[in-house]
C-alpha atoms as a PDB file:
ATOM      1  CA  ALA A   1    -151.255-103.516 -72.916  1.00  0.00           C
ATOM      2  CA  TYR A   2    -154.890-104.218 -72.098  1.00  0.00           C
ATOM      3  CA  HIS A   3    -154.641-107.562 -72.611  1.00  0.00           C
ATOM      4  CA  ALA A   4    -151.434-107.785 -70.683  1.00  0.00           C
ATOM      5  CA  HIS A   5    -153.457-105.996 -67.924  1.00  0.00           C
ATOM      6  CA  GLN A   6    -156.182-108.695 -68.370  1.00  0.00           C
ATOM      7  CA  MET A   7    -153.704-111.422 -67.596  1.00  0.00           C
ATOM      8  CA  LYS A   8    -152.194-109.625 -64.812  1.00  0.00           C
ATOM      9  CA  ASN A   9    -148.699-109.196 -66.290  1.00  0.00           C
ATOM     10  CA  PHE A  10    -147.682-105.804 -64.981  1.00  0.00           C
ATOM     11  CA  GLU A  11    -144.291-106.301 -66.181  1.00  0.00           C
ATOM     12  CA  VAL A  12    -145.537-106.210 -69.719  1.00  0.00           C
ATOM     13  CA  VAL A  13    -147.877-103.331 -68.943  1.00  0.00           C
ATOM     14  CA  SER A  14    -145.269-101.195 -67.779  1.00  0.00           C
ATOM     15  CA  ALA A  15    -143.209-101.831 -70.594  1.00  0.00           C
ATOM     16  CA  MET A  16    -145.692-101.188 -73.374  1.00  0.00           C
ATOM     17  CA  ILE A  17    -146.888 -97.812 -71.636  1.00  0.00           C
ATOM     18  CA  SER A  18    -143.419 -96.839 -71.232  1.00  0.00           C
ATOM     19  CA  GLY A  19    -142.979 -97.430 -75.110  1.00  0.00           C
ATOM     20  CA  LEU A  20    -146.059 -95.566 -75.643  1.00  0.00           C
ATOM     21  CA  ASN A  21    -144.775 -92.768 -73.737  1.00  0.00           C
ATOM     22  CA  SER A  22    -141.232 -92.760 -75.477  1.00  0.00           C
ATOM     23  CA  CYS A  23    -140.493 -89.569 -77.304  1.00  0.00           C
ATOM     24  CA  ALA A  24    -140.748 -91.123 -80.599  1.00  0.00           C
ATOM     25  CA  VAL A  25    -144.420 -91.793 -80.104  1.00  0.00           C
ATOM     26  CA  SER A  26    -145.861 -89.790 -77.273  1.00  0.00           C
ATOM     27  CA  PRO A  27    -148.986 -88.206 -77.650  1.00  0.00           C
ATOM     28  CA  CYS A  28    -146.932 -84.811 -77.374  1.00  0.00           C
ATOM     29  CA  ARG A  29    -145.353 -85.496 -80.494  1.00  0.00           C
ATOM     30  CA  LEU A  30    -147.684 -87.281 -82.712  1.00  0.00           C
ATOM     31  CA  LYS A  31    -150.820 -85.356 -81.902  1.00  0.00           C
ATOM     32  CA  LYS A  32    -152.622 -85.985 -85.210  1.00  0.00           C
ATOM     33  CA  SER A  33    -152.033 -89.842 -85.163  1.00  0.00           C
ATOM     34  CA  TRP A  34    -153.380 -89.991 -81.444  1.00  0.00           C
ATOM     35  CA  SER A  35    -156.092 -87.998 -82.387  1.00  0.00           C
ATOM     36  CA  LEU A  36    -157.481 -90.808 -84.531  1.00  0.00           C
ATOM     37  CA  VAL A  37    -157.707 -93.112 -81.425  1.00  0.00           C
ATOM     38  CA  SER A  38    -161.098 -93.693 -80.130  1.00  0.00           C
ATOM     39  CA  LYS A  39    -161.987 -92.161 -76.816  1.00  0.00           C
ATOM     40  CA  LYS A  40    -162.656 -95.855 -75.565  1.00  0.00           C
ATOM     41  CA  TYR A  41    -158.694 -96.653 -76.366  1.00  0.00           C
ATOM     42  CA  ILE A  42    -157.494 -93.356 -74.916  1.00  0.00           C
ATOM     43  CA  SER A  43    -159.653 -94.138 -71.654  1.00  0.00           C
ATOM     44  CA  ILE A  44    -157.940 -97.567 -71.445  1.00  0.00           C
ATOM     45  CA  PHE A  45    -154.579 -96.200 -72.085  1.00  0.00           C
ATOM     46  CA  ASP A  46    -154.894 -93.427 -69.334  1.00  0.00           C
ATOM     47  CA  GLU A  47    -156.060 -96.034 -66.797  1.00  0.00           C
ATOM     48  CA  LEU A  48    -153.178 -98.397 -67.605  1.00  0.00           C
ATOM     49  CA  GLU A  49    -150.836 -95.193 -67.568  1.00  0.00           C
ATOM     50  CA  SER A  50    -151.701 -94.432 -64.179  1.00  0.00           C
ATOM     51  CA  LEU A  51    -151.193 -97.968 -63.166  1.00  0.00           C
ATOM     52  CA  ALA A  52    -147.716 -97.923 -64.276  1.00  0.00           C
ATOM     53  CA  ALA A  53    -146.757 -94.401 -63.208  1.00  0.00           C
ATOM     54  CA  PRO A  54    -144.229 -94.063 -60.396  1.00  0.00           C
ATOM     55  CA  ILE A  55    -146.154 -91.294 -58.751  1.00  0.00           C
ATOM     56  CA  SER A  56    -146.144 -91.653 -54.831  1.00  0.00           C
ATOM     57  CA  ASN A  57    -143.890 -94.788 -55.134  1.00  0.00           C
ATOM     58  CA  TYR A  58    -146.272 -96.453 -57.582  1.00  0.00           C
ATOM     59  CA  ILE A  59    -149.348 -96.211 -55.113  1.00  0.00           C
ATOM     60  CA  THR A  60    -151.894 -97.335 -57.890  1.00  0.00           C
ATOM     61  CA  TYR A  61    -149.841-100.373 -58.644  1.00  0.00           C
ATOM     62  CA  ARG A  62    -149.227-101.306 -55.026  1.00  0.00           C
ATOM     63  CA  LYS A  63    -152.878-101.246 -54.195  1.00  0.00           C
ATOM     64  CA  THR A  64    -153.441-103.192 -57.282  1.00  0.00           C
ATOM     65  CA  ILE A  65    -151.201-106.055 -56.233  1.00  0.00           C
ATOM     66  CA  SER A  66    -152.259-105.683 -52.843  1.00  0.00           C
ATOM     67  CA  GLU A  67    -155.793-106.519 -53.590  1.00  0.00           C
ATOM     68  CA  LEU A  68    -154.763-109.383 -55.648  1.00  0.00           C
ATOM     69  CA  GLN A  69    -152.554-110.879 -52.913  1.00  0.00           C
ATOM     70  CA  LYS A  70    -155.345-110.742 -50.711  1.00  0.00           C
ATOM     71  CA  ASN A  71    -157.655-112.694 -53.070  1.00  0.00           C
ATOM     72  CA  LYS A  72    -154.348-115.341 -53.816  1.00  0.00           C
ATOM     73  CA  GLU A  73    -154.515-114.230 -57.549  1.00  0.00           C
ATOM     74  CA  LEU A  74    -151.544-114.814 -59.460  1.00  0.00           C
ATOM     75  CA  PHE A  75    -149.887-112.124 -61.353  1.00  0.00           C
ATOM     76  CA  VAL A  76    -146.638-110.909 -62.828  1.00  0.00           C
ATOM     77  CA  PRO A  77    -144.989-108.206 -60.959  1.00  0.00           C
ATOM     78  CA  THR A  78    -142.875-105.222 -62.329  1.00  0.00           C
ATOM     79  CA  LEU A  79    -139.565-106.032 -61.724  1.00  0.00           C
ATOM     80  CA  SER A  80    -138.390-102.304 -61.757  1.00  0.00           C
ATOM     81  CA  VAL A  81    -140.466-101.929 -58.452  1.00  0.00           C
ATOM     82  CA  ILE A  82    -139.162-104.717 -56.833  1.00  0.00           C
ATOM     83  CA  LEU A  83    -135.583-103.876 -57.409  1.00  0.00           C
ATOM     84  CA  ARG A  84    -136.292-100.335 -56.033  1.00  0.00           C
ATOM     85  CA  ASP A  85    -137.658-101.954 -52.853  1.00  0.00           C
ATOM     86  CA  ILE A  86    -134.675-104.033 -52.682  1.00  0.00           C
ATOM     87  CA  VAL A  87    -132.505-101.216 -53.041  1.00  0.00           C
ATOM     88  CA  ALA A  88    -134.376 -99.139 -50.596  1.00  0.00           C
ATOM     89  CA  ALA A  89    -134.364-102.028 -47.853  1.00  0.00           C
ATOM     90  CA  ASP A  90    -130.587-102.500 -48.262  1.00  0.00           C
ATOM     91  CA  VAL A  91    -129.769 -98.506 -47.945  1.00  0.00           C
ATOM     92  CA  SER A  92    -131.941 -98.302 -44.902  1.00  0.00           C
ATOM     93  CA  SER A  93    -129.995-101.182 -43.225  1.00  0.00           C
ATOM     94  CA  SER A  94    -126.769 -99.964 -44.260  1.00  0.00           C
ATOM     95  CA  GLY A  95    -127.373 -96.680 -42.612  1.00  0.00           C
ATOM     96  CA  ILE A  96    -126.763 -94.834 -45.862  1.00  0.00           C
ATOM     97  CA  ASN A  97    -128.689 -91.948 -46.292  1.00  0.00           C
ATOM     98  CA  PRO A  98    -131.053 -92.450 -49.504  1.00  0.00           C
ATOM     99  CA  SER A  99    -130.820 -88.833 -50.621  1.00  0.00           C
ATOM    100  CA  GLU A 100    -127.271 -89.311 -51.371  1.00  0.00           C
ATOM    101  CA  ILE A 101    -127.902 -92.090 -53.641  1.00  0.00           C
ATOM    102  CA  PRO A 102    -128.167 -90.813 -57.370  1.00  0.00           C
ATOM    103  CA  SER A 103    -131.750 -91.561 -58.663  1.00  0.00           C
ATOM    104  CA  GLU A 104    -130.287 -93.324 -61.625  1.00  0.00           C
ATOM    105  CA  GLN A 105    -128.898 -96.199 -59.331  1.00  0.00           C
ATOM    106  CA  LEU A 106    -132.790 -96.818 -57.775  1.00  0.00           C
END
């Protein structure tokens, strides 16, 4: 995930962080295994986890790509965020109340 971040491939970062947070390998379930990971890598994981987090409508991710766009740098965006934005734009233009849409469809 770190190398994907260095290459500005946010789709891969998001997929890898999601996989590492899955029930099968999450820090909550494999406490002994995760305790063997050095603090350096845990720090990197935490940083990348905050980048991929959907908190406040992906605010950390959006700030990061905004800076990249200002600097005219190339990057691979996160598809799920783009699709959520498209659905939100479609919903707002159709007059449907967004709270009526099940979250699974966003």
